[in-house]
Amino acid sequence: MEPDAESVRPPARPRRKSATTDAPPADAARTVLPRNQRTRTSAPSAPPEAAPAAAPPRAIRARLVQRFVSFRAALHALGLRSWQKVRGPVRVVGKLVVLAACVVGTIAVGRLIERHVRTSPAFAIRTITFAGHEQLEEAELLRTSGLAVGQNVFDLGPEDVRDRISRHPWIASVEVQRRLPGTFSIVVRERRAVAILALDQLYLVGEDGTVFKQLGEEDLVDLPVIVGIPRERFVSDRAYRASILLEIVAVMHDYRGVGLWRREPIAEVHVETDDSLSLYVGNDATYVRLGRGPFRDKLQKIRRVFDALDARDTRAAYIYADNVRRPDRVTVRLREERELVAAQ
């Protein structure tokens, strides 16, 4: 027998209760809270450790990004303006720092090199040569120079050696050359003494008319002696000192120029009270009165007188060439007490 259709139909599901059935009665009192006191009810939240991190809304994220970009732009603008203000000084300071570093490095390297060359045996002095000296001995020049064989070649420079030697009274000029690794070459020019000045002491007079040294035992010279100069005036009057010595040097130069120096060497130059000059010449000390300059023509006449006396095999006691009224005449007194007047 086939089951009936209604007997096999599944049982009907129970119907849900309507919300109206659970709702409170319409006349039930309903409490309305103020808006600011209302509480929002929500489903109970999970424990904090189990709740997933909530992402910020897009608006907040965009606002934060915008603020960050604005802040970064402001910092960039501020830094750019500040850099433009300090860029020049910073560059200058940087260059100065680099320059200072270079200078310090150069000085350090230079000191190392200097220390090496001042202590190395390779730069010891091996040869010292002198040239041009006649009056001075080489040993005295070496002592004056401050140099010594075995000494470091850089202990004294050429300028130092030149200054030391130039202070010697006999030295007029000096040239010093240093050739590495260990050679000094020194060329000197000595002063040329032309006369001895007799004051309270004896002094050497150079060809430039200056007194450069007191005569010492080591000075082996045979020179005319200048006498008759008052010491007080010579010391106090600089103009007189220069003029009288230059005039004496000029007389000796002209005397040599006319050819009388070897024939009748000058033994003494006498300065008269009126500043005129007289000479004592020859082995018999013939007195020759010159007067005031110029002297060249007077000395030419005196030479002709000596030629005439030699031809007659006689000598003069004195010769006067200071006749102001008759400058062309020379007066000669012979040793036989006879006076001879020689015309021009």
C-alpha atoms as a PDB file:
ATOM      1  CA  MET A   1       0.000   0.000   0.000  1.00  0.00           C
ATOM      2  CA  GLU A   2       1.575   3.321  -1.000  1.00  0.00           C
ATOM      3  CA  PRO A   3       1.876   5.935   1.679  1.00  0.00           C
ATOM      4  CA  ASP A   4      -0.257   8.943   1.493  1.00  0.00           C
ATOM      5  CA  ALA A   5       1.302  12.165   0.377  1.00  0.00           C
ATOM      6  CA  GLU A   6       0.472  13.925   3.499  1.00  0.00           C
ATOM      7  CA  SER A   7       1.915  11.145   5.646  1.00  0.00           C
ATOM      8  CA  VAL A   8       5.397  11.551   4.103  1.00  0.00           C
ATOM      9  CA  ARG A   9       5.489  15.391   4.216  1.00  0.00           C
ATOM     10  CA  PRO A  10       8.167  16.646   6.620  1.00  0.00           C
ATOM     11  CA  PRO A  11       7.000  18.308   9.783  1.00  0.00           C
ATOM     12  CA  ALA A  12       6.686  22.057   9.595  1.00  0.00           C
ATOM     13  CA  ARG A  13       9.356  24.252  11.222  1.00  0.00           C
ATOM     14  CA  PRO A  14       8.353  26.159  14.290  1.00  0.00           C
ATOM     15  CA  ARG A  15       7.655  29.766  13.544  1.00  0.00           C
ATOM     16  CA  ARG A  16       9.837  32.457  15.129  1.00  0.00           C
ATOM     17  CA  LYS A  17       8.330  34.654  17.662  1.00  0.00           C
ATOM     18  CA  SER A  18       7.492  38.020  16.393  1.00  0.00           C
ATOM     19  CA  ALA A  19       9.358  40.937  17.739  1.00  0.00           C
ATOM     20  CA  THR A  20       6.106  42.349  18.796  1.00  0.00           C
ATOM     21  CA  THR A  21       5.538  39.551  21.147  1.00  0.00           C
ATOM     22  CA  ASP A  22       8.727  40.406  23.082  1.00  0.00           C
ATOM     23  CA  ALA A  23       8.190  44.105  22.982  1.00  0.00           C
ATOM     24  CA  PRO A  24       7.002  45.803  26.159  1.00  0.00           C
ATOM     25  CA  PRO A  25       3.503  46.935  26.374  1.00  0.00           C
ATOM     26  CA  ALA A  26       2.632  50.085  24.610  1.00  0.00           C
ATOM     27  CA  ASP A  27       1.631  51.757  27.810  1.00  0.00           C
ATOM     28  CA  ALA A  28       4.853  50.822  29.599  1.00  0.00           C
ATOM     29  CA  ALA A  29       6.842  53.831  30.819  1.00  0.00           C
ATOM     30  CA  ARG A  30       9.729  54.630  28.481  1.00  0.00           C
ATOM     31  CA  THR A  31      12.742  56.519  29.925  1.00  0.00           C
ATOM     32  CA  VAL A  32      14.445  58.883  27.526  1.00  0.00           C
ATOM     33  CA  LEU A  33      17.964  60.005  28.529  1.00  0.00           C
ATOM     34  CA  PRO A  34      19.464  63.287  27.448  1.00  0.00           C
ATOM     35  CA  ARG A  35      21.597  63.169  24.340  1.00  0.00           C
ATOM     36  CA  ASN A  36      24.797  63.798  26.211  1.00  0.00           C
ATOM     37  CA  GLN A  37      24.043  60.991  28.704  1.00  0.00           C
ATOM     38  CA  ARG A  38      23.149  58.327  26.229  1.00  0.00           C
ATOM     39  CA  THR A  39      25.396  55.306  26.212  1.00  0.00           C
ATOM     40  CA  ARG A  40      26.090  53.322  23.223  1.00  0.00           C
ATOM     41  CA  THR A  41      25.676  49.687  23.747  1.00  0.00           C
ATOM     42  CA  SER A  42      27.753  47.321  21.787  1.00  0.00           C
ATOM     43  CA  ALA A  43      28.582  43.732  21.828  1.00  0.00           C
ATOM     44  CA  PRO A  44      31.082  42.752  24.398  1.00  0.00           C
ATOM     45  CA  SER A  45      34.599  43.176  22.991  1.00  0.00           C
ATOM     46  CA  ALA A  46      37.173  40.504  23.004  1.00  0.00           C
ATOM     47  CA  PRO A  47      40.137  40.699  25.319  1.00  0.00           C
ATOM     48  CA  PRO A  48      42.768  43.345  24.275  1.00  0.00           C
ATOM     49  CA  GLU A  49      45.289  40.765  23.310  1.00  0.00           C
ATOM     50  CA  ALA A  50      42.944  39.082  20.965  1.00  0.00           C
ATOM     51  CA  ALA A  51      41.559  42.224  19.248  1.00  0.00           C
ATOM     52  CA  PRO A  52      43.015  42.952  15.775  1.00  0.00           C
ATOM     53  CA  ALA A  53      44.780  46.385  15.173  1.00  0.00           C
ATOM     54  CA  ALA A  54      42.408  48.845  13.662  1.00  0.00           C
ATOM     55  CA  ALA A  55      43.662  50.764  10.591  1.00  0.00           C
ATOM     56  CA  PRO A  56      43.345  54.613  10.652  1.00  0.00           C
ATOM     57  CA  PRO A  57      40.766  56.048   8.376  1.00  0.00           C
ATOM     58  CA  ARG A  58      41.857  57.411   5.019  1.00  0.00           C
ATOM     59  CA  ALA A  59      41.108  60.974   5.948  1.00  0.00           C
ATOM     60  CA  ILE A  60      43.347  60.830   9.017  1.00  0.00           C
ATOM     61  CA  ARG A  61      46.087  59.138   7.042  1.00  0.00           C
ATOM     62  CA  ALA A  62      45.929  61.722   4.261  1.00  0.00           C
ATOM     63  CA  ARG A  63      45.950  64.526   6.809  1.00  0.00           C
ATOM     64  CA  LEU A  64      49.046  63.106   8.527  1.00  0.00           C
ATOM     65  CA  VAL A  65      50.828  62.688   5.209  1.00  0.00           C
ATOM     66  CA  GLN A  66      49.987  66.253   4.244  1.00  0.00           C
ATOM     67  CA  ARG A  67      51.279  67.584   7.555  1.00  0.00           C
ATOM     68  CA  PHE A  68      54.478  65.597   7.229  1.00  0.00           C
ATOM     69  CA  VAL A  69      55.054  66.869   3.679  1.00  0.00           C
ATOM     70  CA  SER A  70      54.397  70.442   4.800  1.00  0.00           C
ATOM     71  CA  PHE A  71      56.761  70.045   7.759  1.00  0.00           C
ATOM     72  CA  ARG A  72      59.484  68.587   5.564  1.00  0.00           C
ATOM     73  CA  ALA A  73      59.089  71.389   3.015  1.00  0.00           C
ATOM     74  CA  ALA A  74      59.322  73.988   5.794  1.00  0.00           C
ATOM     75  CA  LEU A  75      62.479  72.359   7.140  1.00  0.00           C
ATOM     76  CA  HIS A  76      63.953  72.248   3.653  1.00  0.00           C
ATOM     77  CA  ALA A  77      63.180  75.917   3.013  1.00  0.00           C
ATOM     78  CA  LEU A  78      64.602  76.912   6.397  1.00  0.00           C
ATOM     79  CA  GLY A  79      67.752  74.840   5.820  1.00  0.00           C
ATOM     80  CA  LEU A  80      68.180  76.233   2.302  1.00  0.00           C
ATOM     81  CA  ARG A  81      67.987  79.804   3.536  1.00  0.00           C
ATOM     82  CA  SER A  82      70.396  79.059   6.392  1.00  0.00           C
ATOM     83  CA  TRP A  83      72.840  77.309   4.052  1.00  0.00           C
ATOM     84  CA  GLN A  84      72.792  80.227   1.651  1.00  0.00           C
ATOM     85  CA  LYS A  85      73.744  82.499   4.536  1.00  0.00           C
ATOM     86  CA  VAL A  86      76.621  80.372   5.838  1.00  0.00           C
ATOM     87  CA  ARG A  87      77.806  78.819   2.590  1.00  0.00           C
ATOM     88  CA  GLY A  88      80.464  81.486   1.948  1.00  0.00           C
ATOM     89  CA  PRO A  89      81.989  81.442   5.444  1.00  0.00           C
ATOM     90  CA  VAL A  90      81.884  77.648   5.513  1.00  0.00           C
ATOM     91  CA  ARG A  91      83.823  77.470   2.255  1.00  0.00           C
ATOM     92  CA  VAL A  92      86.388  79.959   3.533  1.00  0.00           C
ATOM     93  CA  VAL A  93      86.791  78.040   6.779  1.00  0.00           C
ATOM     94  CA  GLY A  94      87.157  74.815   4.830  1.00  0.00           C
ATOM     95  CA  LYS A  95      89.887  76.291   2.646  1.00  0.00           C
ATOM     96  CA  LEU A  96      91.679  77.652   5.692  1.00  0.00           C
ATOM     97  CA  VAL A  97      91.541  74.264   7.360  1.00  0.00           C
ATOM     98  CA  VAL A  98      93.007  72.601   4.259  1.00  0.00           C
ATOM     99  CA  LEU A  99      95.689  75.276   4.004  1.00  0.00           C
ATOM    100  CA  ALA A 100      96.557  74.928   7.680  1.00  0.00           C
ATOM    101  CA  ALA A 101      96.824  71.173   7.289  1.00  0.00           C
ATOM    102  CA  CYS A 102      99.151  71.613   4.310  1.00  0.00           C
ATOM    103  CA  VAL A 103     101.318  74.106   6.200  1.00  0.00           C
ATOM    104  CA  VAL A 104     101.544  71.882   9.257  1.00  0.00           C
ATOM    105  CA  GLY A 105     102.433  68.916   7.080  1.00  0.00           C
ATOM    106  CA  THR A 106     105.075  70.876   5.200  1.00  0.00           C
ATOM    107  CA  ILE A 107     106.644  72.138   8.425  1.00  0.00           C
ATOM    108  CA  ALA A 108     106.712  68.649   9.883  1.00  0.00           C
ATOM    109  CA  VAL A 109     108.367  67.222   6.767  1.00  0.00           C
ATOM    110  CA  GLY A 110     110.829  70.135   6.678  1.00  0.00           C
ATOM    111  CA  ARG A 111     111.853  69.573  10.274  1.00  0.00           C
ATOM    112  CA  LEU A 112     112.431  65.911   9.626  1.00  0.00           C
ATOM    113  CA  ILE A 113     114.612  66.727   6.625  1.00  0.00           C
ATOM    114  CA  GLU A 114     116.493  69.416   8.555  1.00  0.00           C
ATOM    115  CA  ARG A 115     117.142  67.068  11.434  1.00  0.00           C
ATOM    116  CA  HIS A 116     118.515  64.498   9.024  1.00  0.00           C
ATOM    117  CA  VAL A 117     120.872  66.815   7.140  1.00  0.00           C
ATOM    118  CA  ARG A 118     122.163  68.443  10.361  1.00  0.00           C
ATOM    119  CA  THR A 119     123.101  65.120  11.893  1.00  0.00           C
ATOM    120  CA  SER A 120     124.154  63.074   8.881  1.00  0.00           C
ATOM    121  CA  PRO A 121     127.931  62.538   8.431  1.00  0.00           C
ATOM    122  CA  ALA A 122     127.383  62.909   4.691  1.00  0.00           C
ATOM    123  CA  PHE A 123     127.044  66.684   5.172  1.00  0.00           C
ATOM    124  CA  ALA A 124     130.240  67.255   7.173  1.00  0.00           C
ATOM    125  CA  ILE A 125     132.650  69.949   5.926  1.00  0.00           C
ATOM    126  CA  ARG A 126     135.619  68.395   4.143  1.00  0.00           C
ATOM    127  CA  THR A 127     137.167  71.327   2.249  1.00  0.00           C
ATOM    128  CA  ILE A 128     137.596  75.052   3.083  1.00  0.00           C
ATOM    129  CA  THR A 129     139.467  77.196   0.550  1.00  0.00           C
ATOM    130  CA  PHE A 130     140.580  80.862   0.775  1.00  0.00           C
ATOM    131  CA  ALA A 131     141.719  83.171  -2.009  1.00  0.00           C
ATOM    132  CA  GLY A 132     142.700  86.838  -2.397  1.00  0.00           C
ATOM    133  CA  HIS A 133     144.454  87.292   0.946  1.00  0.00           C
ATOM    134  CA  GLU A 134     147.942  88.788   1.199  1.00  0.00           C
ATOM    135  CA  GLN A 135     148.183  90.530   4.551  1.00  0.00           C
ATOM    136  CA  LEU A 136     146.237  87.942   6.542  1.00  0.00           C
ATOM    137  CA  GLU A 137     147.248  84.362   7.138  1.00  0.00           C
ATOM    138  CA  GLU A 138     144.861  81.558   6.191  1.00  0.00           C
ATOM    139  CA  ALA A 139     144.765  80.338   9.798  1.00  0.00           C
ATOM    140  CA  GLU A 140     143.482  83.723  10.969  1.00  0.00           C
ATOM    141  CA  LEU A 141     140.831  83.794   8.260  1.00  0.00           C
ATOM    142  CA  LEU A 142     139.721  80.299   9.227  1.00  0.00           C
ATOM    143  CA  ARG A 143     139.470  81.272  12.879  1.00  0.00           C
ATOM    144  CA  THR A 144     137.510  84.407  11.989  1.00  0.00           C
ATOM    145  CA  SER A 145     135.087  82.536   9.729  1.00  0.00           C
ATOM    146  CA  GLY A 146     133.953  80.124  12.469  1.00  0.00           C
ATOM    147  CA  LEU A 147     134.262  77.137  10.139  1.00  0.00           C
ATOM    148  CA  ALA A 148     136.090  73.899  10.847  1.00  0.00           C
ATOM    149  CA  VAL A 149     136.663  70.653   9.012  1.00  0.00           C
ATOM    150  CA  GLY A 150     134.185  68.023  10.236  1.00  0.00           C
ATOM    151  CA  GLN A 151     131.590  70.612  11.189  1.00  0.00           C
ATOM    152  CA  ASN A 152     128.119  70.223   9.676  1.00  0.00           C
ATOM    153  CA  VAL A 153     127.875  72.222   6.471  1.00  0.00           C
ATOM    154  CA  PHE A 154     124.570  73.752   7.571  1.00  0.00           C
ATOM    155  CA  ASP A 155     125.711  74.985  10.987  1.00  0.00           C
ATOM    156  CA  LEU A 156     126.774  78.301   9.432  1.00  0.00           C
ATOM    157  CA  GLY A 157     125.285  79.703   6.265  1.00  0.00           C
ATOM    158  CA  PRO A 158     127.213  81.727   3.661  1.00  0.00           C
ATOM    159  CA  GLU A 159     125.702  84.944   5.040  1.00  0.00           C
ATOM    160  CA  ASP A 160     126.893  84.117   8.559  1.00  0.00           C
ATOM    161  CA  VAL A 161     130.419  83.379   7.365  1.00  0.00           C
ATOM    162  CA  ARG A 162     130.473  86.554   5.281  1.00  0.00           C
ATOM    163  CA  ASP A 163     129.373  88.675   8.241  1.00  0.00           C
ATOM    164  CA  ARG A 164     132.003  87.148  10.504  1.00  0.00           C
ATOM    165  CA  ILE A 165     134.869  87.710   8.064  1.00  0.00           C
ATOM    166  CA  SER A 166     133.674  91.209   7.093  1.00  0.00           C
ATOM    167  CA  ARG A 167     134.083  92.351  10.699  1.00  0.00           C
ATOM    168  CA  HIS A 168     137.850  91.853  10.444  1.00  0.00           C
ATOM    169  CA  PRO A 169     139.454  95.292  10.000  1.00  0.00           C
ATOM    170  CA  TRP A 170     141.669  94.164   7.121  1.00  0.00           C
ATOM    171  CA  ILE A 171     138.763  92.852   5.034  1.00  0.00           C
ATOM    172  CA  ALA A 172     137.144  95.207   2.513  1.00  0.00           C
ATOM    173  CA  SER A 173     134.781  92.651   0.948  1.00  0.00           C
ATOM    174  CA  VAL A 174     134.225  88.891   0.933  1.00  0.00           C
ATOM    175  CA  GLU A 175     132.367  86.347  -1.165  1.00  0.00           C
ATOM    176  CA  VAL A 176     131.344  82.974   0.291  1.00  0.00           C
ATOM    177  CA  GLN A 177     130.031  79.980  -1.620  1.00  0.00           C
ATOM    178  CA  ARG A 178     128.759  76.732  -0.102  1.00  0.00           C
ATOM    179  CA  ARG A 179     128.819  73.693  -2.350  1.00  0.00           C
ATOM    180  CA  LEU A 180     127.161  70.554  -1.103  1.00  0.00           C
ATOM    181  CA  PRO A 181     127.814  68.137   0.334  1.00  0.00           C
ATOM    182  CA  GLY A 182     130.819  69.616   2.231  1.00  0.00           C
ATOM    183  CA  THR A 183     132.781  72.482   0.637  1.00  0.00           C
ATOM    184  CA  PHE A 184     133.155  76.200   1.424  1.00  0.00           C
ATOM    185  CA  SER A 185     134.927  78.523  -1.017  1.00  0.00           C
ATOM    186  CA  ILE A 186     135.853  82.006   0.309  1.00  0.00           C
ATOM    187  CA  VAL A 187     137.330  84.883  -1.722  1.00  0.00           C
ATOM    188  CA  VAL A 188     138.387  88.018   0.189  1.00  0.00           C
ATOM    189  CA  ARG A 189     139.536  91.478  -0.836  1.00  0.00           C
ATOM    190  CA  GLU A 190     141.782  93.085   1.727  1.00  0.00           C
ATOM    191  CA  ARG A 191     142.053  96.768   2.475  1.00  0.00           C
ATOM    192  CA  ARG A 192     145.089  98.474   1.030  1.00  0.00           C
ATOM    193  CA  ALA A 193     146.891 100.587   3.594  1.00  0.00           C
ATOM    194  CA  VAL A 194     148.629 103.652   2.120  1.00  0.00           C
ATOM    195  CA  ALA A 195     149.869 105.497   5.199  1.00  0.00           C
ATOM    196  CA  ILE A 196     150.310 105.400   8.960  1.00  0.00           C
ATOM    197  CA  LEU A 197     148.605 108.146  10.939  1.00  0.00           C
ATOM    198  CA  ALA A 198     150.465 109.315  14.038  1.00  0.00           C
ATOM    199  CA  LEU A 199     148.176 110.657  16.751  1.00  0.00           C
ATOM    200  CA  ASP A 200     148.312 109.396  20.325  1.00  0.00           C
ATOM    201  CA  GLN A 201     148.721 105.954  18.717  1.00  0.00           C
ATOM    202  CA  LEU A 202     149.633 104.744  15.244  1.00  0.00           C
ATOM    203  CA  TYR A 203     146.748 103.930  12.905  1.00  0.00           C
ATOM    204  CA  LEU A 204     146.493 102.533   9.398  1.00  0.00           C
ATOM    205  CA  VAL A 205     144.886 104.691   6.700  1.00  0.00           C
ATOM    206  CA  GLY A 206     143.264 102.991   3.714  1.00  0.00           C
ATOM    207  CA  GLU A 207     143.244 104.094   0.089  1.00  0.00           C
ATOM    208  CA  ASP A 208     139.692 105.369   0.587  1.00  0.00           C
ATOM    209  CA  GLY A 209     140.919 107.897   3.157  1.00  0.00           C
ATOM    210  CA  THR A 210     139.571 106.137   6.235  1.00  0.00           C
ATOM    211  CA  VAL A 211     141.313 104.981   9.401  1.00  0.00           C
ATOM    212  CA  PHE A 212     140.479 101.293   9.646  1.00  0.00           C
ATOM    213  CA  LYS A 213     142.838  99.791  12.218  1.00  0.00           C
ATOM    214  CA  GLN A 214     145.312 100.533  14.974  1.00  0.00           C
ATOM    215  CA  LEU A 215     148.790  99.470  13.973  1.00  0.00           C
ATOM    216  CA  GLY A 216     149.763  96.238  15.684  1.00  0.00           C
ATOM    217  CA  GLU A 217     152.865  94.128  15.930  1.00  0.00           C
ATOM    218  CA  GLU A 218     151.379  91.677  13.461  1.00  0.00           C
ATOM    219  CA  ASP A 219     151.018  94.406  10.803  1.00  0.00           C
ATOM    220  CA  LEU A 220     154.250  94.329   8.835  1.00  0.00           C
ATOM    221  CA  VAL A 221     153.987  97.491   6.734  1.00  0.00           C
ATOM    222  CA  ASP A 222     156.467 100.047   5.402  1.00  0.00           C
ATOM    223  CA  LEU A 223     154.378 103.140   4.703  1.00  0.00           C
ATOM    224  CA  PRO A 224     154.657 106.935   4.878  1.00  0.00           C
ATOM    225  CA  VAL A 225     153.831 108.427   8.266  1.00  0.00           C
ATOM    226  CA  ILE A 226     151.368 111.300   8.538  1.00  0.00           C
ATOM    227  CA  VAL A 227     152.289 113.807  11.248  1.00  0.00           C
ATOM    228  CA  GLY A 228     151.205 117.263  12.290  1.00  0.00           C
ATOM    229  CA  ILE A 229     147.449 116.656  12.568  1.00  0.00           C
ATOM    230  CA  PRO A 230     146.058 117.963  15.890  1.00  0.00           C
ATOM    231  CA  ARG A 231     144.370 115.081  17.617  1.00  0.00           C
ATOM    232  CA  GLU A 232     141.528 117.084  19.186  1.00  0.00           C
ATOM    233  CA  ARG A 233     140.495 118.588  15.881  1.00  0.00           C
ATOM    234  CA  PHE A 234     140.844 115.285  14.074  1.00  0.00           C
ATOM    235  CA  VAL A 235     138.581 113.519  16.561  1.00  0.00           C
ATOM    236  CA  SER A 236     135.924 116.226  16.913  1.00  0.00           C
ATOM    237  CA  ASP A 237     135.727 117.603  13.356  1.00  0.00           C
ATOM    238  CA  ARG A 238     134.464 114.901  11.026  1.00  0.00           C
ATOM    239  CA  ALA A 239     134.583 117.082   7.905  1.00  0.00           C
ATOM    240  CA  TYR A 240     138.188 118.071   8.576  1.00  0.00           C
ATOM    241  CA  ARG A 241     139.138 114.453   9.204  1.00  0.00           C
ATOM    242  CA  ALA A 242     137.693 113.294   5.909  1.00  0.00           C
ATOM    243  CA  SER A 243     139.052 116.171   3.814  1.00  0.00           C
ATOM    244  CA  ILE A 244     142.616 116.106   5.126  1.00  0.00           C
ATOM    245  CA  LEU A 245     143.003 112.361   4.736  1.00  0.00           C
ATOM    246  CA  LEU A 246     141.543 112.379   1.212  1.00  0.00           C
ATOM    247  CA  GLU A 247     143.913 115.179   0.267  1.00  0.00           C
ATOM    248  CA  ILE A 248     146.900 113.214   1.558  1.00  0.00           C
ATOM    249  CA  VAL A 249     145.793 110.114  -0.326  1.00  0.00           C
ATOM    250  CA  ALA A 250     145.450 112.228  -3.494  1.00  0.00           C
ATOM    251  CA  VAL A 251     148.995 113.583  -3.064  1.00  0.00           C
ATOM    252  CA  MET A 252     150.460 110.095  -2.756  1.00  0.00           C
ATOM    253  CA  HIS A 253     148.462 108.935  -5.774  1.00  0.00           C
ATOM    254  CA  ASP A 254     149.810 111.800  -7.913  1.00  0.00           C
ATOM    255  CA  TYR A 255     153.330 111.291  -6.532  1.00  0.00           C
ATOM    256  CA  ARG A 256     153.204 107.718  -7.708  1.00  0.00           C
ATOM    257  CA  GLY A 257     151.687 108.791 -11.014  1.00  0.00           C
ATOM    258  CA  VAL A 258     154.561 111.128 -11.958  1.00  0.00           C
ATOM    259  CA  GLY A 259     157.092 108.365 -11.370  1.00  0.00           C
ATOM    260  CA  LEU A 260     158.720 109.593  -8.147  1.00  0.00           C
ATOM    261  CA  TRP A 261     157.624 106.843  -5.781  1.00  0.00           C
ATOM    262  CA  ARG A 262     160.476 104.464  -6.446  1.00  0.00           C
ATOM    263  CA  ARG A 263     163.132 107.120  -7.001  1.00  0.00           C
ATOM    264  CA  GLU A 264     162.315 109.270  -3.986  1.00  0.00           C
ATOM    265  CA  PRO A 265     159.993 107.332  -1.699  1.00  0.00           C
ATOM    266  CA  ILE A 266     157.915 109.372   0.724  1.00  0.00           C
ATOM    267  CA  ALA A 267     159.024 108.929   4.312  1.00  0.00           C
ATOM    268  CA  GLU A 268     156.701 111.431   5.943  1.00  0.00           C
ATOM    269  CA  VAL A 269     153.712 113.623   5.119  1.00  0.00           C
ATOM    270  CA  HIS A 270     153.583 116.725   7.292  1.00  0.00           C
ATOM    271  CA  VAL A 271     150.395 118.768   7.786  1.00  0.00           C
ATOM    272  CA  GLU A 272     151.292 122.404   8.384  1.00  0.00           C
ATOM    273  CA  THR A 273     149.387 124.735  10.684  1.00  0.00           C
ATOM    274  CA  ASP A 274     147.581 126.289   7.698  1.00  0.00           C
ATOM    275  CA  ASP A 275     146.557 122.798   6.508  1.00  0.00           C
ATOM    276  CA  SER A 276     149.053 122.875   3.641  1.00  0.00           C
ATOM    277  CA  LEU A 277     151.128 119.752   2.949  1.00  0.00           C
ATOM    278  CA  SER A 278     154.857 119.065   2.960  1.00  0.00           C
ATOM    279  CA  LEU A 279     156.809 115.897   2.240  1.00  0.00           C
ATOM    280  CA  TYR A 280     160.053 114.358   3.416  1.00  0.00           C
ATOM    281  CA  VAL A 281     161.305 112.172   0.568  1.00  0.00           C
ATOM    282  CA  GLY A 282     164.307 110.067  -0.319  1.00  0.00           C
ATOM    283  CA  ASN A 283     166.885 108.408   1.844  1.00  0.00           C
ATOM    284  CA  ASP A 284     168.242 111.782   2.933  1.00  0.00           C
ATOM    285  CA  ALA A 285     164.780 113.133   3.847  1.00  0.00           C
ATOM    286  CA  THR A 286     164.636 116.034   1.402  1.00  0.00           C
ATOM    287  CA  TYR A 287     162.007 118.541   2.487  1.00  0.00           C
ATOM    288  CA  VAL A 288     159.438 119.314  -0.236  1.00  0.00           C
ATOM    289  CA  ARG A 289     156.841 121.980   0.489  1.00  0.00           C
ATOM    290  CA  LEU A 290     153.773 121.571  -1.717  1.00  0.00           C
ATOM    291  CA  GLY A 291     151.291 124.054  -0.245  1.00  0.00           C
ATOM    292  CA  ARG A 292     147.648 123.530  -1.205  1.00  0.00           C
ATOM    293  CA  GLY A 293     146.265 121.557  -4.089  1.00  0.00           C
ATOM    294  CA  PRO A 294     146.027 120.789  -6.922  1.00  0.00           C
ATOM    295  CA  PHE A 295     149.311 118.899  -6.779  1.00  0.00           C
ATOM    296  CA  ARG A 296     149.807 117.203 -10.131  1.00  0.00           C
ATOM    297  CA  ASP A 297     151.531 120.086 -11.915  1.00  0.00           C
ATOM    298  CA  LYS A 298     153.676 120.857  -8.867  1.00  0.00           C
ATOM    299  CA  LEU A 299     154.879 117.280  -8.675  1.00  0.00           C
ATOM    300  CA  GLN A 300     155.743 117.320 -12.388  1.00  0.00           C
ATOM    301  CA  LYS A 301     158.027 120.323 -11.772  1.00  0.00           C
ATOM    302  CA  ILE A 302     159.572 118.636  -8.752  1.00  0.00           C
ATOM    303  CA  ARG A 303     160.376 115.604 -10.851  1.00  0.00           C
ATOM    304  CA  ARG A 304     162.242 117.780 -13.359  1.00  0.00           C
ATOM    305  CA  VAL A 305     164.184 119.262 -10.445  1.00  0.00           C
ATOM    306  CA  PHE A 306     165.242 115.821  -9.265  1.00  0.00           C
ATOM    307  CA  ASP A 307     166.244 114.919 -12.827  1.00  0.00           C
ATOM    308  CA  ALA A 308     168.462 118.001 -13.005  1.00  0.00           C
ATOM    309  CA  LEU A 309     170.001 117.318  -9.587  1.00  0.00           C
ATOM    310  CA  ASP A 310     170.752 113.733 -10.508  1.00  0.00           C
ATOM    311  CA  ALA A 311     172.454 114.937 -13.691  1.00  0.00           C
ATOM    312  CA  ARG A 312     174.674 117.193 -11.573  1.00  0.00           C
ATOM    313  CA  ASP A 313     175.191 114.484  -8.950  1.00  0.00           C
ATOM    314  CA  THR A 314     173.956 116.655  -6.140  1.00  0.00           C
ATOM    315  CA  ARG A 315     171.126 116.708  -3.645  1.00  0.00           C
ATOM    316  CA  ALA A 316     168.701 119.332  -2.468  1.00  0.00           C
ATOM    317  CA  ALA A 317     168.172 120.377   1.134  1.00  0.00           C
ATOM    318  CA  TYR A 318     164.662 121.564   0.412  1.00  0.00           C
ATOM    319  CA  ILE A 319     162.369 122.268  -2.525  1.00  0.00           C
ATOM    320  CA  TYR A 320     159.599 124.870  -2.385  1.00  0.00           C
ATOM    321  CA  ALA A 321     156.739 124.552  -4.851  1.00  0.00           C
ATOM    322  CA  ASP A 322     154.206 126.669  -2.980  1.00  0.00           C
ATOM    323  CA  ASN A 323     154.880 130.067  -4.522  1.00  0.00           C
ATOM    324  CA  VAL A 324     151.419 131.537  -4.926  1.00  0.00           C
ATOM    325  CA  ARG A 325     152.541 134.598  -6.866  1.00  0.00           C
ATOM    326  CA  ARG A 326     154.782 132.633  -9.236  1.00  0.00           C
ATOM    327  CA  PRO A 327     153.250 129.130  -9.436  1.00  0.00           C
ATOM    328  CA  ASP A 328     155.516 128.393 -12.425  1.00  0.00           C
ATOM    329  CA  ARG A 329     158.661 128.678 -10.281  1.00  0.00           C
ATOM    330  CA  VAL A 330     160.215 126.131  -7.901  1.00  0.00           C
ATOM    331  CA  THR A 331     162.806 127.170  -5.316  1.00  0.00           C
ATOM    332  CA  VAL A 332     165.582 124.715  -4.479  1.00  0.00           C
ATOM    333  CA  ARG A 333     168.296 124.952  -1.802  1.00  0.00           C
ATOM    334  CA  LEU A 334     171.191 122.623  -2.392  1.00  0.00           C
ATOM    335  CA  ARG A 335     173.044 120.928   0.397  1.00  0.00           C
ATOM    336  CA  GLU A 336     176.106 123.006  -0.406  1.00  0.00           C
ATOM    337  CA  GLU A 337     174.114 125.962   0.969  1.00  0.00           C
ATOM    338  CA  ARG A 338     173.501 127.389  -2.474  1.00  0.00           C
ATOM    339  CA  GLU A 339     170.014 128.352  -3.577  1.00  0.00           C
ATOM    340  CA  LEU A 340     168.813 127.517  -7.049  1.00  0.00           C
ATOM    341  CA  VAL A 341     165.663 128.829  -8.686  1.00  0.00           C
ATOM    342  CA  ALA A 342     164.346 126.487 -11.368  1.00  0.00           C
ATOM    343  CA  ALA A 343     162.000 127.957 -13.936  1.00  0.00           C
ATOM    344  CA  GLN A 344     159.164 126.028 -15.489  1.00  0.00           C
END
